Amino acid sequence: MSAVTSPGRVLVIACGALAREITALKRASGWSTLDVTCLAPELHNRPERITPAVRAAIGAARAHYERIFVAYADCGTGGALDRMLAEEGVERLPGAHCYEVFATSGVFAALAEAEPGTFYLTDFLVRHFERLVAASLGIDRYPELAREYFRHYRRVVYLAQVADAQLDERARAIAARLGLAYERRLTGYGDLASALARLAHRAAIAVVVEPPRAQPLSG
């Protein structure tokens, strides 16, 4: 087996829907020990493909990274992702989906209990609603379908990572388009920030305590 080529570094295998947020956190926090690779966000439309894609990414990274972290929640895999990660000895983000990750579990549970018929948005989904939701469901071509798809929903809750008036306006327009009440919660980065902070801290400690690698004798 080839030697690890990135000793002291951690690879974060992330959902592409989190790429912007992870980049912002890295830049703000100076987490120089974290490297990031992202998988296609469209995998969320086919959650049965998430686990095989993450497994393949882990396998490809093993020759280069001793430490790997997966920036996915369960994301609709029904526990399949956790079973695979247990086999690989790799941790992931807490929670069932990115809405819980951003809102944190207690806040999300309260939102879900208050109104089960809630459609959630994040910054990413607001930016890419047309491609990932409207086009994939066909409501860009057949607007009347929105009434059928969302007939059991009562509201849209926008879990905002950053304060952005333009994104807020776009989220309001999405709610109006779906015929739903609108609410905005400024969550920030929630458990994504805390999980990556712990990861970066452990990586920094590992670099300090890791014994020096043996050097060949000269002469």
N, C-alpha and C. Protein backbone atom coordinates (compact mmCIF):
# COMPACT_ATOMS: atom_id res chain seq x y z
N MET A 1 0.85 -1.19 0.00
CA MET A 1 0.00 0.00 0.00
C MET A 1 0.88 1.24 0.00
N SER A 2 0.54 2.23 -0.78
CA SER A 2 1.34 3.44 -0.85
C SER A 2 1.19 4.25 0.41
N ALA A 3 2.22 5.02 0.78
CA ALA A 3 2.20 5.83 1.98
C ALA A 3 1.24 7.00 1.81
N VAL A 4 0.69 7.44 2.94
CA VAL A 4 -0.18 8.62 2.91
C VAL A 4 0.64 9.82 2.45
N THR A 5 0.10 10.54 1.46
CA THR A 5 0.86 11.66 0.89
C THR A 5 0.50 13.00 1.50
N SER A 6 -0.55 13.03 2.37
CA SER A 6 -0.93 14.29 3.02
C SER A 6 -0.99 14.10 4.53
N PRO A 7 0.15 13.76 5.17
CA PRO A 7 0.15 13.53 6.62
C PRO A 7 -0.22 14.82 7.36
N GLY A 8 -0.97 14.67 8.44
CA GLY A 8 -1.33 15.85 9.23
C GLY A 8 -2.50 16.64 8.67
N ARG A 9 -3.09 16.20 7.55
CA ARG A 9 -4.21 16.91 6.96
C ARG A 9 -5.46 16.03 7.00
N VAL A 10 -6.61 16.67 6.93
CA VAL A 10 -7.89 15.96 6.94
C VAL A 10 -8.62 16.29 5.64
N LEU A 11 -9.17 15.27 5.01
CA LEU A 11 -9.99 15.50 3.83
C LEU A 11 -11.46 15.51 4.25
N VAL A 12 -12.15 16.56 3.90
CA VAL A 12 -13.58 16.65 4.12
C VAL A 12 -14.27 16.35 2.79
N ILE A 13 -15.01 15.23 2.75
CA ILE A 13 -15.79 14.88 1.57
C ILE A 13 -17.19 15.44 1.79
N ALA A 14 -17.54 16.46 1.03
CA ALA A 14 -18.73 17.25 1.34
C ALA A 14 -19.78 17.17 0.24
N CYS A 15 -21.01 17.37 0.64
CA CYS A 15 -22.09 17.59 -0.32
C CYS A 15 -21.84 18.92 -1.01
N GLY A 16 -22.04 18.95 -2.31
CA GLY A 16 -21.83 20.19 -3.05
C GLY A 16 -22.73 21.32 -2.59
N ALA A 17 -23.85 20.99 -1.95
CA ALA A 17 -24.75 22.01 -1.43
C ALA A 17 -24.14 22.77 -0.25
N LEU A 18 -23.05 22.25 0.30
CA LEU A 18 -22.38 22.90 1.43
C LEU A 18 -21.06 23.56 1.04
N ALA A 19 -20.71 23.51 -0.23
CA ALA A 19 -19.39 23.98 -0.66
C ALA A 19 -19.17 25.45 -0.31
N ARG A 20 -20.12 26.30 -0.61
CA ARG A 20 -19.98 27.73 -0.36
C ARG A 20 -19.81 28.00 1.14
N GLU A 21 -20.59 27.32 1.95
CA GLU A 21 -20.55 27.53 3.40
C GLU A 21 -19.23 27.03 4.00
N ILE A 22 -18.78 25.86 3.55
CA ILE A 22 -17.51 25.34 4.08
C ILE A 22 -16.35 26.24 3.67
N THR A 23 -16.38 26.73 2.45
CA THR A 23 -15.33 27.65 1.99
C THR A 23 -15.32 28.91 2.84
N ALA A 24 -16.50 29.45 3.14
CA ALA A 24 -16.59 30.66 3.95
C ALA A 24 -16.06 30.41 5.36
N LEU A 25 -16.40 29.26 5.95
CA LEU A 25 -15.92 28.93 7.28
C LEU A 25 -14.41 28.74 7.30
N LYS A 26 -13.88 28.05 6.29
CA LYS A 26 -12.43 27.86 6.22
C LYS A 26 -11.70 29.19 6.13
N ARG A 27 -12.22 30.06 5.28
CA ARG A 27 -11.58 31.35 5.08
C ARG A 27 -11.61 32.19 6.36
N ALA A 28 -12.74 32.19 7.03
CA ALA A 28 -12.90 33.01 8.23
C ALA A 28 -12.11 32.45 9.41
N SER A 29 -11.99 31.12 9.47
CA SER A 29 -11.38 30.49 10.64
C SER A 29 -9.93 30.10 10.44
N GLY A 30 -9.46 30.11 9.19
CA GLY A 30 -8.08 29.76 8.92
C GLY A 30 -7.76 28.30 9.18
N TRP A 31 -8.69 27.40 8.83
CA TRP A 31 -8.48 25.98 9.07
C TRP A 31 -7.59 25.41 7.96
N SER A 32 -6.31 25.60 8.11
CA SER A 32 -5.38 25.23 7.05
C SER A 32 -5.16 23.73 6.93
N THR A 33 -5.55 22.96 7.95
CA THR A 33 -5.33 21.52 7.91
C THR A 33 -6.48 20.77 7.21
N LEU A 34 -7.53 21.49 6.85
CA LEU A 34 -8.68 20.85 6.22
C LEU A 34 -8.65 21.04 4.70
N ASP A 35 -8.66 19.95 3.97
CA ASP A 35 -8.85 19.97 2.52
C ASP A 35 -10.29 19.53 2.24
N VAL A 36 -10.86 20.04 1.16
CA VAL A 36 -12.26 19.78 0.88
C VAL A 36 -12.43 19.31 -0.56
N THR A 37 -13.22 18.27 -0.75
CA THR A 37 -13.67 17.85 -2.07
C THR A 37 -15.18 17.69 -2.01
N CYS A 38 -15.88 18.09 -3.05
CA CYS A 38 -17.34 18.10 -3.03
C CYS A 38 -17.92 17.16 -4.08
N LEU A 39 -18.99 16.49 -3.70
CA LEU A 39 -19.75 15.67 -4.63
C LEU A 39 -20.93 16.47 -5.17
N ALA A 40 -21.49 16.03 -6.27
CA ALA A 40 -22.54 16.79 -6.94
C ALA A 40 -23.77 16.96 -6.05
N PRO A 41 -24.27 18.19 -5.91
CA PRO A 41 -25.47 18.39 -5.09
C PRO A 41 -26.70 17.69 -5.65
N GLU A 42 -26.70 17.39 -6.94
CA GLU A 42 -27.84 16.69 -7.55
C GLU A 42 -28.07 15.30 -6.97
N LEU A 43 -27.07 14.77 -6.25
CA LEU A 43 -27.25 13.47 -5.60
C LEU A 43 -28.45 13.48 -4.65
N HIS A 44 -28.81 14.66 -4.15
CA HIS A 44 -29.94 14.72 -3.23
C HIS A 44 -31.26 14.34 -3.90
N ASN A 45 -31.31 14.46 -5.21
CA ASN A 45 -32.51 14.03 -5.91
C ASN A 45 -32.57 12.51 -6.06
N ARG A 46 -31.44 11.84 -5.83
CA ARG A 46 -31.36 10.38 -5.89
C ARG A 46 -30.57 9.89 -4.67
N PRO A 47 -31.16 9.96 -3.47
CA PRO A 47 -30.40 9.64 -2.26
C PRO A 47 -29.82 8.25 -2.22
N GLU A 48 -30.38 7.32 -3.00
CA GLU A 48 -29.81 5.97 -3.02
C GLU A 48 -28.42 5.95 -3.64
N ARG A 49 -28.06 7.03 -4.31
CA ARG A 49 -26.73 7.11 -4.93
C ARG A 49 -25.68 7.78 -4.04
N ILE A 50 -26.14 8.35 -2.92
CA ILE A 50 -25.21 9.09 -2.06
C ILE A 50 -24.18 8.15 -1.44
N THR A 51 -24.65 7.05 -0.84
CA THR A 51 -23.73 6.15 -0.15
C THR A 51 -22.67 5.57 -1.09
N PRO A 52 -23.02 5.04 -2.26
CA PRO A 52 -21.98 4.56 -3.17
C PRO A 52 -21.00 5.65 -3.60
N ALA A 53 -21.51 6.87 -3.81
CA ALA A 53 -20.63 7.96 -4.24
C ALA A 53 -19.66 8.35 -3.14
N VAL A 54 -20.15 8.38 -1.90
CA VAL A 54 -19.26 8.71 -0.77
C VAL A 54 -18.25 7.60 -0.56
N ARG A 55 -18.69 6.35 -0.66
CA ARG A 55 -17.75 5.23 -0.50
C ARG A 55 -16.63 5.30 -1.54
N ALA A 56 -17.00 5.60 -2.78
CA ALA A 56 -15.99 5.70 -3.83
C ALA A 56 -15.02 6.83 -3.55
N ALA A 57 -15.52 7.96 -3.04
CA ALA A 57 -14.65 9.09 -2.73
C ALA A 57 -13.70 8.75 -1.59
N ILE A 58 -14.20 8.02 -0.60
CA ILE A 58 -13.34 7.58 0.50
C ILE A 58 -12.25 6.65 -0.03
N GLY A 59 -12.63 5.70 -0.85
CA GLY A 59 -11.65 4.77 -1.41
C GLY A 59 -10.57 5.46 -2.21
N ALA A 60 -10.97 6.45 -2.99
CA ALA A 60 -10.00 7.18 -3.80
C ALA A 60 -9.06 8.02 -2.96
N ALA A 61 -9.52 8.40 -1.75
CA ALA A 61 -8.71 9.30 -0.91
C ALA A 61 -7.78 8.56 0.04
N ARG A 62 -7.99 7.26 0.22
CA ARG A 62 -7.23 6.53 1.24
C ARG A 62 -5.72 6.59 1.04
N ALA A 63 -5.28 6.61 -0.21
CA ALA A 63 -3.83 6.63 -0.45
C ALA A 63 -3.21 7.97 -0.10
N HIS A 64 -4.06 8.98 0.05
CA HIS A 64 -3.54 10.34 0.26
C HIS A 64 -3.84 10.90 1.64
N TYR A 65 -4.88 10.39 2.29
CA TYR A 65 -5.29 10.95 3.58
C TYR A 65 -5.51 9.85 4.60
N GLU A 66 -4.93 10.05 5.75
CA GLU A 66 -5.15 9.13 6.87
C GLU A 66 -6.46 9.47 7.58
N ARG A 67 -6.80 10.76 7.58
CA ARG A 67 -8.00 11.23 8.27
C ARG A 67 -9.00 11.76 7.24
N ILE A 68 -10.22 11.26 7.33
CA ILE A 68 -11.29 11.66 6.40
C ILE A 68 -12.55 11.95 7.22
N PHE A 69 -13.27 12.97 6.82
CA PHE A 69 -14.55 13.32 7.45
C PHE A 69 -15.57 13.55 6.34
N VAL A 70 -16.81 13.14 6.59
CA VAL A 70 -17.87 13.28 5.58
C VAL A 70 -18.85 14.37 5.99
N ALA A 71 -18.94 15.40 5.20
CA ALA A 71 -19.85 16.52 5.48
C ALA A 71 -21.18 16.27 4.77
N TYR A 72 -21.83 15.22 5.21
CA TYR A 72 -23.20 14.88 4.85
C TYR A 72 -23.94 14.58 6.14
N ALA A 73 -25.23 14.84 6.18
CA ALA A 73 -26.10 14.26 7.18
C ALA A 73 -26.59 12.91 6.61
N ASP A 74 -27.65 12.33 7.17
CA ASP A 74 -28.14 11.08 6.59
C ASP A 74 -28.68 11.33 5.17
N CYS A 75 -29.34 12.46 4.98
CA CYS A 75 -29.74 12.93 3.64
C CYS A 75 -30.60 11.94 2.87
N GLY A 76 -31.50 11.27 3.58
CA GLY A 76 -32.44 10.38 2.90
C GLY A 76 -31.91 9.00 2.57
N THR A 77 -30.74 8.64 3.10
CA THR A 77 -30.18 7.33 2.79
C THR A 77 -30.76 6.22 3.68
N GLY A 78 -31.58 6.58 4.64
CA GLY A 78 -32.21 5.58 5.49
C GLY A 78 -31.24 4.77 6.32
N GLY A 79 -30.16 5.38 6.75
CA GLY A 79 -29.16 4.68 7.56
C GLY A 79 -28.07 3.99 6.76
N ALA A 80 -28.22 3.92 5.43
CA ALA A 80 -27.20 3.24 4.61
C ALA A 80 -25.86 3.96 4.69
N LEU A 81 -25.90 5.28 4.73
CA LEU A 81 -24.64 6.04 4.83
C LEU A 81 -23.93 5.73 6.14
N ASP A 82 -24.67 5.69 7.23
CA ASP A 82 -24.06 5.39 8.53
C ASP A 82 -23.47 4.00 8.57
N ARG A 83 -24.16 3.03 8.00
CA ARG A 83 -23.62 1.67 8.00
C ARG A 83 -22.32 1.59 7.23
N MET A 84 -22.27 2.26 6.09
CA MET A 84 -21.04 2.26 5.30
C MET A 84 -19.92 2.99 6.04
N LEU A 85 -20.23 4.13 6.65
CA LEU A 85 -19.20 4.90 7.35
C LEU A 85 -18.67 4.15 8.57
N ALA A 86 -19.53 3.37 9.21
CA ALA A 86 -19.06 2.55 10.33
C ALA A 86 -18.04 1.52 9.85
N GLU A 87 -18.28 0.94 8.68
CA GLU A 87 -17.32 0.00 8.11
C GLU A 87 -16.00 0.69 7.77
N GLU A 88 -16.09 1.93 7.31
CA GLU A 88 -14.90 2.66 6.89
C GLU A 88 -14.20 3.36 8.05
N GLY A 89 -14.88 3.46 9.20
CA GLY A 89 -14.30 4.17 10.34
C GLY A 89 -14.22 5.68 10.11
N VAL A 90 -15.27 6.23 9.49
CA VAL A 90 -15.30 7.65 9.14
C VAL A 90 -16.52 8.29 9.79
N GLU A 91 -16.33 9.50 10.33
CA GLU A 91 -17.43 10.24 10.94
C GLU A 91 -18.13 11.12 9.90
N ARG A 92 -19.35 11.55 10.26
CA ARG A 92 -20.10 12.48 9.41
C ARG A 92 -20.72 13.58 10.27
N LEU A 93 -21.39 14.52 9.62
CA LEU A 93 -22.12 15.56 10.32
C LEU A 93 -23.28 14.94 11.10
N PRO A 94 -23.69 15.57 12.20
CA PRO A 94 -24.85 15.07 12.93
C PRO A 94 -26.14 15.43 12.20
N GLY A 95 -27.20 14.68 12.46
CA GLY A 95 -28.50 15.06 11.96
C GLY A 95 -28.99 14.26 10.77
N ALA A 96 -30.26 14.50 10.44
CA ALA A 96 -30.91 13.77 9.37
C ALA A 96 -30.73 14.42 8.01
N HIS A 97 -30.52 15.73 7.98
CA HIS A 97 -30.42 16.48 6.72
C HIS A 97 -29.80 17.84 7.02
N CYS A 98 -29.54 18.60 5.95
CA CYS A 98 -28.84 19.87 6.14
C CYS A 98 -29.70 20.89 6.88
N TYR A 99 -31.03 20.75 6.83
CA TYR A 99 -31.90 21.67 7.57
C TYR A 99 -31.66 21.52 9.08
N GLU A 100 -31.53 20.28 9.53
CA GLU A 100 -31.23 20.04 10.94
C GLU A 100 -29.81 20.48 11.28
N VAL A 101 -28.88 20.27 10.34
CA VAL A 101 -27.50 20.69 10.57
C VAL A 101 -27.43 22.21 10.79
N PHE A 102 -28.09 22.96 9.93
CA PHE A 102 -28.03 24.42 10.05
C PHE A 102 -28.85 24.94 11.23
N ALA A 103 -30.05 24.40 11.43
CA ALA A 103 -30.92 24.91 12.49
C ALA A 103 -30.48 24.42 13.86
N THR A 104 -29.75 23.30 13.93
CA THR A 104 -29.42 22.50 15.11
C THR A 104 -30.64 21.67 15.48
N SER A 105 -30.41 20.53 16.10
CA SER A 105 -31.46 19.52 16.26
C SER A 105 -32.63 20.01 17.09
N GLY A 106 -32.36 20.72 18.18
CA GLY A 106 -33.44 21.18 19.04
C GLY A 106 -34.34 22.18 18.35
N VAL A 107 -33.74 23.13 17.67
CA VAL A 107 -34.52 24.14 16.96
C VAL A 107 -35.32 23.51 15.83
N PHE A 108 -34.68 22.61 15.08
CA PHE A 108 -35.40 21.98 13.97
C PHE A 108 -36.56 21.14 14.49
N ALA A 109 -36.36 20.41 15.57
CA ALA A 109 -37.44 19.59 16.13
C ALA A 109 -38.63 20.46 16.51
N ALA A 110 -38.35 21.64 17.08
CA ALA A 110 -39.43 22.55 17.45
C ALA A 110 -40.16 23.07 16.22
N LEU A 111 -39.43 23.39 15.17
CA LEU A 111 -40.06 23.85 13.93
C LEU A 111 -40.94 22.77 13.32
N ALA A 112 -40.43 21.55 13.29
CA ALA A 112 -41.19 20.45 12.70
C ALA A 112 -42.43 20.13 13.51
N GLU A 113 -42.33 20.22 14.83
CA GLU A 113 -43.48 19.93 15.68
C GLU A 113 -44.54 21.02 15.54
N ALA A 114 -44.09 22.28 15.44
CA ALA A 114 -45.03 23.39 15.32
C ALA A 114 -45.83 23.31 14.03
N GLU A 115 -45.20 22.88 12.94
CA GLU A 115 -45.90 22.76 11.66
C GLU A 115 -45.23 21.70 10.82
N PRO A 116 -45.77 20.46 10.87
CA PRO A 116 -45.17 19.39 10.05
C PRO A 116 -45.19 19.70 8.56
N GLY A 117 -46.17 20.46 8.10
CA GLY A 117 -46.26 20.77 6.68
C GLY A 117 -45.40 21.97 6.31
N THR A 118 -44.09 21.82 6.52
CA THR A 118 -43.15 22.92 6.25
C THR A 118 -42.18 22.52 5.15
N PHE A 119 -42.02 23.39 4.19
CA PHE A 119 -41.01 23.22 3.15
C PHE A 119 -39.84 24.13 3.51
N TYR A 120 -38.65 23.54 3.63
CA TYR A 120 -37.49 24.29 4.10
C TYR A 120 -36.60 24.71 2.95
N LEU A 121 -36.02 25.89 3.11
CA LEU A 121 -35.03 26.42 2.18
C LEU A 121 -33.76 26.74 2.93
N THR A 122 -32.64 26.62 2.25
CA THR A 122 -31.35 27.12 2.74
C THR A 122 -30.84 28.14 1.72
N ASP A 123 -29.73 28.77 2.02
CA ASP A 123 -29.15 29.71 1.04
C ASP A 123 -28.93 29.01 -0.30
N PHE A 124 -28.40 27.80 -0.23
CA PHE A 124 -28.13 27.06 -1.46
C PHE A 124 -29.41 26.80 -2.25
N LEU A 125 -30.45 26.35 -1.58
CA LEU A 125 -31.69 26.03 -2.28
C LEU A 125 -32.37 27.28 -2.83
N VAL A 126 -32.23 28.39 -2.14
CA VAL A 126 -32.79 29.64 -2.69
C VAL A 126 -32.06 29.99 -3.98
N ARG A 127 -30.74 29.89 -3.96
CA ARG A 127 -29.95 30.23 -5.15
C ARG A 127 -30.24 29.30 -6.33
N HIS A 128 -30.52 28.03 -6.03
CA HIS A 128 -30.63 27.02 -7.08
C HIS A 128 -32.02 26.40 -7.15
N PHE A 129 -33.02 27.10 -6.67
CA PHE A 129 -34.37 26.56 -6.66
C PHE A 129 -34.85 26.19 -8.06
N GLU A 130 -34.58 27.03 -9.03
CA GLU A 130 -35.07 26.77 -10.38
C GLU A 130 -34.53 25.46 -10.93
N ARG A 131 -33.23 25.22 -10.73
CA ARG A 131 -32.61 24.03 -11.30
C ARG A 131 -32.93 22.77 -10.50
N LEU A 132 -32.84 22.86 -9.18
CA LEU A 132 -32.93 21.66 -8.36
C LEU A 132 -34.36 21.30 -7.95
N VAL A 133 -35.25 22.28 -7.92
CA VAL A 133 -36.62 22.01 -7.50
C VAL A 133 -37.59 22.21 -8.65
N ALA A 134 -37.66 23.44 -9.17
CA ALA A 134 -38.66 23.74 -10.20
C ALA A 134 -38.47 22.87 -11.45
N ALA A 135 -37.24 22.79 -11.94
CA ALA A 135 -37.00 22.01 -13.16
C ALA A 135 -37.14 20.52 -12.91
N SER A 136 -36.62 20.03 -11.78
CA SER A 136 -36.67 18.59 -11.53
C SER A 136 -38.09 18.11 -11.29
N LEU A 137 -38.95 18.97 -10.75
CA LEU A 137 -40.34 18.59 -10.52
C LEU A 137 -41.25 18.95 -11.70
N GLY A 138 -40.72 19.71 -12.63
CA GLY A 138 -41.49 20.07 -13.81
C GLY A 138 -42.40 21.27 -13.63
N ILE A 139 -42.32 21.94 -12.48
CA ILE A 139 -43.21 23.08 -12.26
C ILE A 139 -42.76 24.34 -13.00
N ASP A 140 -41.54 24.31 -13.54
CA ASP A 140 -41.14 25.42 -14.40
C ASP A 140 -41.91 25.37 -15.72
N ARG A 141 -42.27 24.15 -16.15
CA ARG A 141 -43.01 23.99 -17.41
C ARG A 141 -44.52 23.87 -17.19
N TYR A 142 -44.89 23.33 -16.03
CA TYR A 142 -46.30 23.13 -15.72
C TYR A 142 -46.57 23.68 -14.32
N PRO A 143 -46.72 25.00 -14.20
CA PRO A 143 -46.87 25.63 -12.88
C PRO A 143 -48.00 25.06 -12.05
N GLU A 144 -49.02 24.53 -12.70
CA GLU A 144 -50.16 23.98 -11.95
C GLU A 144 -49.77 22.77 -11.10
N LEU A 145 -48.64 22.14 -11.42
CA LEU A 145 -48.18 21.00 -10.64
C LEU A 145 -47.81 21.39 -9.21
N ALA A 146 -47.42 22.64 -9.03
CA ALA A 146 -47.01 23.09 -7.69
C ALA A 146 -48.13 22.88 -6.68
N ARG A 147 -49.36 23.10 -7.10
CA ARG A 147 -50.51 22.92 -6.21
C ARG A 147 -50.62 21.47 -5.75
N GLU A 148 -50.32 20.54 -6.66
CA GLU A 148 -50.40 19.12 -6.30
C GLU A 148 -49.23 18.69 -5.42
N TYR A 149 -48.01 19.10 -5.81
CA TYR A 149 -46.83 18.71 -5.04
C TYR A 149 -46.88 19.23 -3.61
N PHE A 150 -47.38 20.45 -3.43
CA PHE A 150 -47.31 21.11 -2.14
C PHE A 150 -48.67 21.24 -1.46
N ARG A 151 -49.60 20.39 -1.81
CA ARG A 151 -50.96 20.52 -1.29
C ARG A 151 -51.03 20.30 0.22
N HIS A 152 -50.10 19.52 0.78
CA HIS A 152 -50.11 19.26 2.21
C HIS A 152 -49.14 20.16 2.99
N TYR A 153 -48.54 21.10 2.32
CA TYR A 153 -47.65 22.05 2.99
C TYR A 153 -48.42 23.31 3.37
N ARG A 154 -47.97 23.95 4.44
CA ARG A 154 -48.62 25.16 4.92
C ARG A 154 -47.70 26.37 4.89
N ARG A 155 -46.40 26.14 4.97
CA ARG A 155 -45.49 27.28 5.03
C ARG A 155 -44.13 26.92 4.46
N VAL A 156 -43.39 27.96 4.11
CA VAL A 156 -41.97 27.87 3.77
C VAL A 156 -41.19 28.49 4.91
N VAL A 157 -40.19 27.77 5.40
CA VAL A 157 -39.26 28.34 6.39
C VAL A 157 -37.88 28.41 5.74
N TYR A 158 -37.39 29.63 5.61
CA TYR A 158 -36.07 29.86 5.03
C TYR A 158 -35.06 29.90 6.16
N LEU A 159 -34.22 28.86 6.24
CA LEU A 159 -33.14 28.79 7.22
C LEU A 159 -31.92 29.47 6.60
N ALA A 160 -31.73 30.73 6.91
CA ALA A 160 -30.71 31.54 6.24
C ALA A 160 -29.36 31.40 6.93
N GLN A 161 -28.33 31.16 6.12
CA GLN A 161 -26.97 31.09 6.67
C GLN A 161 -26.34 32.48 6.79
N VAL A 162 -26.69 33.38 5.90
CA VAL A 162 -26.16 34.74 5.95
C VAL A 162 -27.32 35.71 5.80
N ALA A 163 -27.13 36.92 6.31
CA ALA A 163 -28.13 37.97 6.15
C ALA A 163 -27.97 38.59 4.77
N ASP A 164 -28.91 38.35 3.90
CA ASP A 164 -28.81 38.81 2.51
C ASP A 164 -30.22 39.19 2.05
N ALA A 165 -30.44 40.47 1.84
CA ALA A 165 -31.77 40.96 1.48
C ALA A 165 -32.24 40.37 0.15
N GLN A 166 -31.33 40.19 -0.80
CA GLN A 166 -31.73 39.64 -2.09
C GLN A 166 -32.17 38.19 -1.98
N LEU A 167 -31.45 37.41 -1.18
CA LEU A 167 -31.87 36.02 -0.97
C LEU A 167 -33.21 35.96 -0.24
N ASP A 168 -33.41 36.86 0.71
CA ASP A 168 -34.68 36.91 1.42
C ASP A 168 -35.82 37.21 0.45
N GLU A 169 -35.60 38.15 -0.45
CA GLU A 169 -36.62 38.49 -1.45
C GLU A 169 -36.92 37.30 -2.35
N ARG A 170 -35.87 36.59 -2.77
CA ARG A 170 -36.08 35.43 -3.63
C ARG A 170 -36.83 34.32 -2.89
N ALA A 171 -36.50 34.13 -1.60
CA ALA A 171 -37.20 33.11 -0.81
C ALA A 171 -38.67 33.46 -0.64
N ARG A 172 -38.96 34.72 -0.42
CA ARG A 172 -40.36 35.18 -0.33
C ARG A 172 -41.10 34.88 -1.64
N ALA A 173 -40.42 35.13 -2.75
CA ALA A 173 -41.04 34.89 -4.05
C ALA A 173 -41.32 33.40 -4.25
N ILE A 174 -40.43 32.53 -3.77
CA ILE A 174 -40.65 31.09 -3.86
C ILE A 174 -41.88 30.70 -3.06
N ALA A 175 -42.00 31.23 -1.84
CA ALA A 175 -43.17 30.92 -1.01
C ALA A 175 -44.45 31.38 -1.69
N ALA A 176 -44.43 32.58 -2.26
CA ALA A 176 -45.61 33.09 -2.96
C ALA A 176 -45.95 32.22 -4.16
N ARG A 177 -44.93 31.78 -4.87
CA ARG A 177 -45.14 30.93 -6.04
C ARG A 177 -45.79 29.61 -5.66
N LEU A 178 -45.45 29.10 -4.48
CA LEU A 178 -46.01 27.83 -4.01
C LEU A 178 -47.31 28.03 -3.25
N GLY A 179 -47.69 29.27 -3.03
CA GLY A 179 -48.93 29.56 -2.31
C GLY A 179 -48.85 29.26 -0.83
N LEU A 180 -47.67 29.47 -0.23
CA LEU A 180 -47.45 29.12 1.17
C LEU A 180 -47.06 30.34 1.98
N ALA A 181 -47.35 30.28 3.28
CA ALA A 181 -46.90 31.32 4.20
C ALA A 181 -45.37 31.31 4.26
N TYR A 182 -44.80 32.42 4.70
CA TYR A 182 -43.34 32.55 4.66
C TYR A 182 -42.80 32.94 6.03
N GLU A 183 -41.68 32.30 6.38
CA GLU A 183 -40.97 32.63 7.62
C GLU A 183 -39.47 32.49 7.38
N ARG A 184 -38.71 33.39 7.96
CA ARG A 184 -37.26 33.34 7.81
C ARG A 184 -36.60 33.22 9.17
N ARG A 185 -35.63 32.33 9.28
CA ARG A 185 -34.83 32.16 10.49
C ARG A 185 -33.36 32.29 10.13
N LEU A 186 -32.67 33.21 10.75
CA LEU A 186 -31.23 33.37 10.51
C LEU A 186 -30.50 32.38 11.42
N THR A 187 -30.08 31.26 10.86
CA THR A 187 -29.46 30.20 11.65
C THR A 187 -27.94 30.32 11.70
N GLY A 188 -27.35 31.01 10.73
CA GLY A 188 -25.91 30.92 10.57
C GLY A 188 -25.53 29.53 10.08
N TYR A 189 -24.36 29.05 10.48
CA TYR A 189 -23.87 27.77 9.98
C TYR A 189 -24.16 26.60 10.93
N GLY A 190 -24.71 26.89 12.10
CA GLY A 190 -25.18 25.85 13.00
C GLY A 190 -24.16 24.78 13.31
N ASP A 191 -24.59 23.53 13.22
CA ASP A 191 -23.72 22.40 13.56
C ASP A 191 -22.62 22.16 12.53
N LEU A 192 -22.76 22.74 11.34
CA LEU A 192 -21.67 22.62 10.37
C LEU A 192 -20.43 23.32 10.91
N ALA A 193 -20.61 24.52 11.46
CA ALA A 193 -19.48 25.28 12.01
C ALA A 193 -18.87 24.56 13.21
N SER A 194 -19.70 24.09 14.13
CA SER A 194 -19.15 23.45 15.33
C SER A 194 -18.47 22.13 15.01
N ALA A 195 -19.05 21.36 14.07
CA ALA A 195 -18.44 20.08 13.71
C ALA A 195 -17.08 20.28 13.04
N LEU A 196 -17.00 21.23 12.12
CA LEU A 196 -15.72 21.48 11.45
C LEU A 196 -14.70 22.10 12.40
N ALA A 197 -15.17 22.91 13.34
CA ALA A 197 -14.24 23.49 14.32
C ALA A 197 -13.60 22.39 15.17
N ARG A 198 -14.42 21.43 15.60
CA ARG A 198 -13.87 20.30 16.38
C ARG A 198 -12.91 19.49 15.54
N LEU A 199 -13.26 19.28 14.28
CA LEU A 199 -12.39 18.51 13.38
C LEU A 199 -11.04 19.20 13.20
N ALA A 200 -11.09 20.51 12.94
CA ALA A 200 -9.85 21.27 12.75
C ALA A 200 -9.01 21.28 14.02
N HIS A 201 -9.67 21.36 15.18
CA HIS A 201 -8.94 21.36 16.46
C HIS A 201 -8.24 20.02 16.67
N ARG A 202 -8.96 18.92 16.41
CA ARG A 202 -8.33 17.60 16.57
C ARG A 202 -7.17 17.42 15.60
N ALA A 203 -7.34 17.94 14.38
CA ALA A 203 -6.26 17.83 13.39
C ALA A 203 -5.04 18.60 13.83
N ALA A 204 -5.26 19.78 14.39
CA ALA A 204 -4.13 20.60 14.85
C ALA A 204 -3.39 19.92 16.00
N ILE A 205 -4.15 19.30 16.91
CA ILE A 205 -3.52 18.58 18.01
C ILE A 205 -2.73 17.39 17.49
N ALA A 206 -3.30 16.68 16.53
CA ALA A 206 -2.62 15.51 15.96
C ALA A 206 -1.30 15.90 15.31
N VAL A 207 -1.27 17.06 14.66
CA VAL A 207 -0.04 17.52 14.03
C VAL A 207 1.03 17.78 15.08
N VAL A 208 0.62 18.35 16.23
CA VAL A 208 1.57 18.69 17.29
C VAL A 208 2.14 17.44 17.94
N VAL A 209 1.27 16.44 18.20
CA VAL A 209 1.72 15.27 18.95
C VAL A 209 2.24 14.15 18.06
N GLU A 210 2.01 14.24 16.76
CA GLU A 210 2.46 13.17 15.87
C GLU A 210 3.97 13.08 15.90
N PRO A 211 4.53 11.89 16.15
CA PRO A 211 5.99 11.76 16.22
C PRO A 211 6.63 12.01 14.86
N PRO A 212 7.82 12.52 14.84
CA PRO A 212 8.50 12.76 13.56
C PRO A 212 8.73 11.46 12.82
N ARG A 213 8.61 11.53 11.50
CA ARG A 213 8.83 10.35 10.70
C ARG A 213 10.33 10.02 10.64
N ALA A 214 10.63 8.75 10.62
CA ALA A 214 12.03 8.32 10.60
C ALA A 214 12.69 8.78 9.30
N GLN A 215 13.91 9.26 9.41
CA GLN A 215 14.66 9.70 8.25
C GLN A 215 15.76 8.66 7.95
N PRO A 216 16.05 8.43 6.69
CA PRO A 216 17.12 7.47 6.36
C PRO A 216 18.48 7.97 6.84
N LEU A 217 19.30 7.04 7.30
CA LEU A 217 20.64 7.41 7.75
C LEU A 217 21.49 7.81 6.55
N SER A 218 22.28 8.84 6.74
CA SER A 218 23.16 9.26 5.66
C SER A 218 24.51 8.58 5.81
N GLY A 219 25.23 8.56 4.71
CA GLY A 219 26.57 8.03 4.75
C GLY A 219 26.63 6.52 4.56
